PDB file of N, CA and C in Angstrom:
ATOM      1  N   UNK A   1     101.900 113.897  98.152  1.00  0.00           N
ATOM      2  CA  UNK A   1     102.778 113.211  97.258  1.00  0.00           C
ATOM      3  C   UNK A   1     102.249 111.809  96.973  1.00  0.00           C
ATOM      4  N   UNK A   2     101.751 111.132  97.988  1.00  0.00           N
ATOM      5  CA  UNK A   2     101.219 109.790  97.797  1.00  0.00           C
ATOM      6  C   UNK A   2     100.096 109.754  96.781  1.00  0.00           C
ATOM      7  N   UNK A   3      99.257 110.769  96.811  1.00  0.00           N
ATOM      8  CA  UNK A   3      98.144 110.825  95.849  1.00  0.00           C
ATOM      9  C   UNK A   3      98.643 110.962  94.420  1.00  0.00           C
ATOM     10  N   UNK A   4      99.690 111.731  94.223  1.00  0.00           N
ATOM     11  CA  UNK A   4     100.245 111.899  92.870  1.00  0.00           C
ATOM     12  C   UNK A   4     100.831 110.588  92.357  1.00  0.00           C
ATOM     13  N   UNK A   5     101.554 109.859  93.225  1.00  0.00           N
ATOM     14  CA  UNK A   5     102.069 108.552  92.827  1.00  0.00           C
ATOM     15  C   UNK A   5     100.911 107.637  92.421  1.00  0.00           C
ATOM     16  N   UNK A   6      99.838 107.663  93.208  1.00  0.00           N
ATOM     17  CA  UNK A   6      98.683 106.826  92.905  1.00  0.00           C
ATOM     18  C   UNK A   6      98.043 107.227  91.585  1.00  0.00           C
ATOM     19  N   UNK A   7      97.927 108.525  91.326  1.00  0.00           N
ATOM     20  CA  UNK A   7      97.368 108.989  90.049  1.00  0.00           C
ATOM     21  C   UNK A   7      98.174 108.450  88.871  1.00  0.00           C
ATOM     22  N   UNK A   8      99.493 108.509  88.979  1.00  0.00           N
ATOM     23  CA  UNK A   8     100.356 108.011  87.902  1.00  0.00           C
ATOM     24  C   UNK A   8     100.189 106.504  87.757  1.00  0.00           C
ATOM     25  N   UNK A   9     100.133 105.784  88.862  1.00  0.00           N
ATOM     26  CA  UNK A   9      99.949 104.332  88.799  1.00  0.00           C
ATOM     27  C   UNK A   9      98.641 103.986  88.099  1.00  0.00           C
ATOM     28  N   UNK A  10      97.590 104.725  88.393  1.00  0.00           N
ATOM     29  CA  UNK A  10      96.301 104.471  87.749  1.00  0.00           C
ATOM     30  C   UNK A  10      96.356 104.758  86.256  1.00  0.00           C
ATOM     31  N   UNK A  11      97.085 105.778  85.843  1.00  0.00           N
ATOM     32  CA  UNK A  11      97.234 106.077  84.418  1.00  0.00           C
ATOM     33  C   UNK A  11      97.972 104.962  83.688  1.00  0.00           C
ATOM     34  N   UNK A  12      99.013 104.443  84.309  1.00  0.00           N
ATOM     35  CA  UNK A  12      99.851 103.424  83.672  1.00  0.00           C
ATOM     36  C   UNK A  12      99.186 102.046  83.727  1.00  0.00           C
ATOM     37  N   UNK A  13      98.259 101.840  84.639  1.00  0.00           N
ATOM     38  CA  UNK A  13      97.639 100.529  84.838  1.00  0.00           C
ATOM     39  C   UNK A  13      96.980  99.986  83.582  1.00  0.00           C
ATOM     40  N   UNK A  14      96.518 100.844  82.704  1.00  0.00           N
ATOM     41  CA  UNK A  14      95.834 100.386  81.492  1.00  0.00           C
ATOM     42  C   UNK A  14      96.795 100.031  80.366  1.00  0.00           C
ATOM     43  N   UNK A  15      98.082 100.251  80.562  1.00  0.00           N
ATOM     44  CA  UNK A  15      99.084  99.957  79.531  1.00  0.00           C
ATOM     45  C   UNK A  15      99.452  98.471  79.550  1.00  0.00           C
ATOM     46  N   UNK A  16     100.074  98.024  78.466  1.00  0.00           N
ATOM     47  CA  UNK A  16     100.505  96.633  78.354  1.00  0.00           C
ATOM     48  C   UNK A  16     102.005  96.502  78.580  1.00  0.00           C
ATOM     49  N   UNK A  17     102.457  95.272  78.714  1.00  0.00           N
ATOM     50  CA  UNK A  17     103.881  94.965  78.746  1.00  0.00           C
ATOM     51  C   UNK A  17     104.598  95.479  79.974  1.00  0.00           C
ATOM     52  N   UNK A  18     105.770  96.032  79.740  1.00  0.00           N
ATOM     53  CA  UNK A  18     106.639  96.475  80.833  1.00  0.00           C
ATOM     54  C   UNK A  18     106.024  97.605  81.648  1.00  0.00           C
ATOM     55  N   UNK A  19     105.040  98.280  81.096  1.00  0.00           N
ATOM     56  CA  UNK A  19     104.413  99.385  81.826  1.00  0.00           C
ATOM     57  C   UNK A  19     103.787  98.912  83.131  1.00  0.00           C
ATOM     58  N   UNK A  20     103.404  97.632  83.197  1.00  0.00           N
ATOM     59  CA  UNK A  20     102.816  97.135  84.439  1.00  0.00           C
ATOM     60  C   UNK A  20     103.835  97.179  85.576  1.00  0.00           C
ATOM     61  N   UNK A  21     105.119  96.997  85.259  1.00  0.00           N
ATOM     62  CA  UNK A  21     106.162  97.128  86.285  1.00  0.00           C
ATOM     63  C   UNK A  21     106.217  98.549  86.819  1.00  0.00           C
ATOM     64  N   UNK A  22     106.051  99.514  85.935  1.00  0.00           N
ATOM     65  CA  UNK A  22     106.020 100.918  86.349  1.00  0.00           C
ATOM     66  C   UNK A  22     104.805 101.156  87.233  1.00  0.00           C
ATOM     67  N   UNK A  23     103.683 100.576  86.859  1.00  0.00           N
ATOM     68  CA  UNK A  23     102.458 100.731  87.643  1.00  0.00           C
ATOM     69  C   UNK A  23     102.645 100.193  89.057  1.00  0.00           C
ATOM     70  N   UNK A  24     103.167  98.980  89.159  1.00  0.00           N
ATOM     71  CA  UNK A  24     103.355  98.363  90.471  1.00  0.00           C
ATOM     72  C   UNK A  24     104.362  99.155  91.304  1.00  0.00           C
ATOM     73  N   UNK A  25     105.478  99.537  90.690  1.00  0.00           N
ATOM     74  CA  UNK A  25     106.484 100.309  91.413  1.00  0.00           C
ATOM     75  C   UNK A  25     105.942 101.634  91.907  1.00  0.00           C
ATOM     76  N   UNK A  26     105.156 102.286  91.085  1.00  0.00           N
ATOM     77  CA  UNK A  26     104.581 103.571  91.466  1.00  0.00           C
ATOM     78  C   UNK A  26     103.536 103.396  92.563  1.00  0.00           C
ATOM     79  N   UNK A  27     102.769 102.312  92.502  1.00  0.00           N
ATOM     80  CA  UNK A  27     101.797 102.040  93.559  1.00  0.00           C
ATOM     81  C   UNK A  27     102.503 101.801  94.892  1.00  0.00           C
ATOM     82  N   UNK A  28     103.630 101.108  94.860  1.00  0.00           N
ATOM     83  CA  UNK A  28     104.417 100.890  96.081  1.00  0.00           C
ATOM     84  C   UNK A  28     104.910 102.224  96.633  1.00  0.00           C
ATOM     85  N   UNK A  29     105.411 103.086  95.753  1.00  0.00           N
ATOM     86  CA  UNK A  29     105.860 104.411  96.199  1.00  0.00           C
ATOM     87  C   UNK A  29     104.708 105.208  96.807  1.00  0.00           C
ATOM     88  N   UNK A  30     103.504 105.055  96.249  1.00  0.00           N
ATOM     89  CA  UNK A  30     102.331 105.734  96.811  1.00  0.00           C
ATOM     90  C   UNK A  30     102.087 105.263  98.238  1.00  0.00           C
ATOM     91  N   UNK A  31     102.198 103.961  98.453  1.00  0.00           N
ATOM     92  CA  UNK A  31     102.010 103.413  99.794  1.00  0.00           C
ATOM     93  C   UNK A  31     103.058 103.900 100.772  1.00  0.00           C
ATOM     94  N   UNK A  32     104.301 103.952 100.326  1.00  0.00           N
ATOM     95  CA  UNK A  32     105.387 104.432 101.186  1.00  0.00           C
ATOM     96  C   UNK A  32     105.179 105.899 101.548  1.00  0.00           C
ATOM     97  N   UNK A  33     104.816 106.709 100.565  1.00  0.00           N
ATOM     98  CA  UNK A  33     104.584 108.134 100.831  1.00  0.00           C
ATOM     99  C   UNK A  33     103.416 108.322 101.792  1.00  0.00           C
ATOM    100  N   UNK A  34     102.364 107.524 101.621  1.00  0.00           N
ATOM    101  CA  UNK A  34     101.218 107.622 102.524  1.00  0.00           C
ATOM    102  C   UNK A  34     101.608 107.198 103.937  1.00  0.00           C
ATOM    103  N   UNK A  35     102.384 106.128 104.051  1.00  0.00           N
ATOM    104  CA  UNK A  35     102.827 105.669 105.370  1.00  0.00           C
ATOM    105  C   UNK A  35     103.693 106.724 106.053  1.00  0.00           C
ATOM    106  N   UNK A  36     104.571 107.362 105.290  1.00  0.00           N
ATOM    107  CA  UNK A  36     105.396 108.436 105.857  1.00  0.00           C
ATOM    108  C   UNK A  36     104.525 109.567 106.382  1.00  0.00           C
ATOM    109  N   UNK A  37     103.506 109.921 105.619  1.00  0.00           N
ATOM    110  CA  UNK A  37     102.615 111.003 106.044  1.00  0.00           C
ATOM    111  C   UNK A  37     101.863 110.629 107.315  1.00  0.00           C
ATOM    112  N   UNK A  38     101.405 109.388 107.387  1.00  0.00           N
ATOM    113  CA  UNK A  38     100.684 108.933 108.573  1.00  0.00           C
ATOM    114  C   UNK A  38     101.599 108.952 109.792  1.00  0.00           C
ATOM    115  N   UNK A  39     102.821 108.436 109.636  1.00  0.00           N
ATOM    116  CA  UNK A  39     103.771 108.431 110.756  1.00  0.00           C
ATOM    117  C   UNK A  39     104.122 109.848 111.186  1.00  0.00           C
ATOM    118  N   UNK A  40     104.337 110.716 110.225  1.00  0.00           N
ATOM    119  CA  UNK A  40     104.679 112.099 110.560  1.00  0.00           C
ATOM    120  C   UNK A  40     103.545 112.766 111.325  1.00  0.00           C
ATOM    121  N   UNK A  41     102.316 112.522 110.892  1.00  0.00           N
ATOM    122  CA  UNK A  41     101.171 113.128 111.567  1.00  0.00           C
ATOM    123  C   UNK A  41     100.967 112.533 112.960  1.00  0.00           C
ATOM    124  N   UNK A  42     101.136 111.226 113.076  1.00  0.00           N
ATOM    125  CA  UNK A  42     100.869 110.558 114.349  1.00  0.00           C
ATOM    126  C   UNK A  42     102.020 110.664 115.334  1.00  0.00           C
ATOM    127  N   UNK A  43     103.253 110.653 114.806  1.00  0.00           N
ATOM    128  CA  UNK A  43     104.422 110.586 115.681  1.00  0.00           C
ATOM    129  C   UNK A  43     105.242 111.857 115.727  1.00  0.00           C
ATOM    130  N   UNK A  44     105.052 112.724 114.749  1.00  0.00           N
ATOM    131  CA  UNK A  44     105.883 113.907 114.650  1.00  0.00           C
ATOM    132  C   UNK A  44     107.222 113.622 114.000  1.00  0.00           C
ATOM    133  N   UNK A  45     107.393 112.411 113.476  1.00  0.00           N
ATOM    134  CA  UNK A  45     108.625 112.026 112.783  1.00  0.00           C
ATOM    135  C   UNK A  45     108.309 110.878 111.829  1.00  0.00           C
ATOM    136  N   UNK A  46     109.207 110.652 110.890  1.00  0.00           N
ATOM    137  CA  UNK A  46     109.057 109.486 110.027  1.00  0.00           C
ATOM    138  C   UNK A  46     110.376 108.736 109.980  1.00  0.00           C
ATOM    139  N   UNK A  47     110.330 107.500 109.555  1.00  0.00           N
ATOM    140  CA  UNK A  47     111.521 106.662 109.489  1.00  0.00           C
ATOM    141  C   UNK A  47     112.174 106.862 108.134  1.00  0.00           C
ATOM    142  N   UNK A  48     113.470 107.152 108.127  1.00  0.00           N
ATOM    143  CA  UNK A  48     114.143 107.441 106.859  1.00  0.00           C
ATOM    144  C   UNK A  48     115.149 106.370 106.460  1.00  0.00           C
ATOM    145  N   UNK A  49     115.176 105.257 107.176  1.00  0.00           N
ATOM    146  CA  UNK A  49     116.104 104.181 106.850  1.00  0.00           C
ATOM    147  C   UNK A  49     115.562 103.276 105.754  1.00  0.00           C
ATOM    148  N   UNK A  50     116.281 102.198 105.499  1.00  0.00           N
ATOM    149  CA  UNK A  50     115.881 101.265 104.444  1.00  0.00           C
ATOM    150  C   UNK A  50     115.293  99.974 104.987  1.00  0.00           C
ATOM    151  N   UNK A  51     115.281  99.795 106.288  1.00  0.00           N
ATOM    152  CA  UNK A  51     114.779  98.573 106.907  1.00  0.00           C
ATOM    153  C   UNK A  51     113.304  98.752 107.267  1.00  0.00           C
ATOM    154  N   UNK A  52     112.439  98.117 106.497  1.00  0.00           N
ATOM    155  CA  UNK A  52     111.001  98.283 106.719  1.00  0.00           C
ATOM    156  C   UNK A  52     110.563  97.731 108.073  1.00  0.00           C
ATOM    157  N   UNK A  53     111.226  96.684 108.549  1.00  0.00           N
ATOM    158  CA  UNK A  53     110.892  96.137 109.863  1.00  0.00           C
ATOM    159  C   UNK A  53     111.200  97.150 110.963  1.00  0.00           C
ATOM    160  N   UNK A  54     112.290  97.896 110.814  1.00  0.00           N
ATOM    161  CA  UNK A  54     112.634  98.920 111.803  1.00  0.00           C
ATOM    162  C   UNK A  54     111.606 100.044 111.791  1.00  0.00           C
ATOM    163  N   UNK A  55     111.096 100.367 110.624  1.00  0.00           N
ATOM    164  CA  UNK A  55     110.055 101.395 110.535  1.00  0.00           C
ATOM    165  C   UNK A  55     108.804 100.938 111.273  1.00  0.00           C
ATOM    166  N   UNK A  56     108.437  99.683 111.102  1.00  0.00           N
ATOM    167  CA  UNK A  56     107.275  99.140 111.808  1.00  0.00           C
ATOM    168  C   UNK A  56     107.519  99.127 113.311  1.00  0.00           C
ATOM    169  N   UNK A  57     108.735  98.796 113.717  1.00  0.00           N
ATOM    170  CA  UNK A  57     109.077  98.787 115.143  1.00  0.00           C
ATOM    171  C   UNK A  57     108.968 100.178 115.750  1.00  0.00           C
ATOM    172  N   UNK A  58     109.394 101.193 115.007  1.00  0.00           N
ATOM    173  CA  UNK A  58     109.279 102.577 115.475  1.00  0.00           C
ATOM    174  C   UNK A  58     107.817 102.922 115.730  1.00  0.00           C
ATOM    175  N   UNK A  59     106.968 102.578 114.795  1.00  0.00           N
ATOM    176  CA  UNK A  59     105.547 102.873 114.941  1.00  0.00           C
ATOM    177  C   UNK A  59     104.956 102.108 116.124  1.00  0.00           C
ATOM    178  N   UNK A  60     105.319 100.846 116.276  1.00  0.00           N
ATOM    179  CA  UNK A  60     104.831 100.051 117.407  1.00  0.00           C
ATOM    180  C   UNK A  60     105.285 100.644 118.738  1.00  0.00           C
ATOM    181  N   UNK A  61     106.549 101.035 118.824  1.00  0.00           N
ATOM    182  CA  UNK A  61     107.078 101.603 120.065  1.00  0.00           C
ATOM    183  C   UNK A  61     106.351 102.885 120.423  1.00  0.00           C
ATOM    184  N   UNK A  62     106.107 103.717 119.440  1.00  0.00           N
ATOM    185  CA  UNK A  62     105.392 104.972 119.691  1.00  0.00           C
ATOM    186  C   UNK A  62     103.950 104.698 120.085  1.00  0.00           C
ATOM    187  N   UNK A  63     103.337 103.697 119.494  1.00  0.00           N
ATOM    188  CA  UNK A  63     101.944 103.372 119.802  1.00  0.00           C
ATOM    189  C   UNK A  63     101.805 102.922 121.257  1.00  0.00           C
ATOM    190  N   UNK A  64     102.807 102.228 121.768  1.00  0.00           N
ATOM    191  CA  UNK A  64     102.760 101.758 123.159  1.00  0.00           C
ATOM    192  C   UNK A  64     102.899 102.900 124.158  1.00  0.00           C
ATOM    193  N   UNK A  65     103.516 104.005 123.755  1.00  0.00           N
ATOM    194  CA  UNK A  65     103.742 105.115 124.686  1.00  0.00           C
ATOM    195  C   UNK A  65     102.608 106.127 124.681  1.00  0.00           C
ATOM    196  N   UNK A  66     101.640 105.947 123.816  1.00  0.00           N
ATOM    197  CA  UNK A  66     100.530 106.908 123.764  1.00  0.00           C
ATOM    198  C   UNK A  66      99.288 106.355 124.391  1.00  0.00           C
TER     199      UNK A  66
END
């Protein structure tokens, strides 16, 4: 899924005006999807809340136990 978001962001990147907001938003979604995939692969779970700091804390806590 992250790759598809990135593909769309790259397509929109060449557009002018408000399309750049779509590009940036889609690139952010690509990063979030990639991070979820990495956490799922490494931890067997992903963070589904809205607090990004809590997501980082989850990853840090799991990293200390491995």
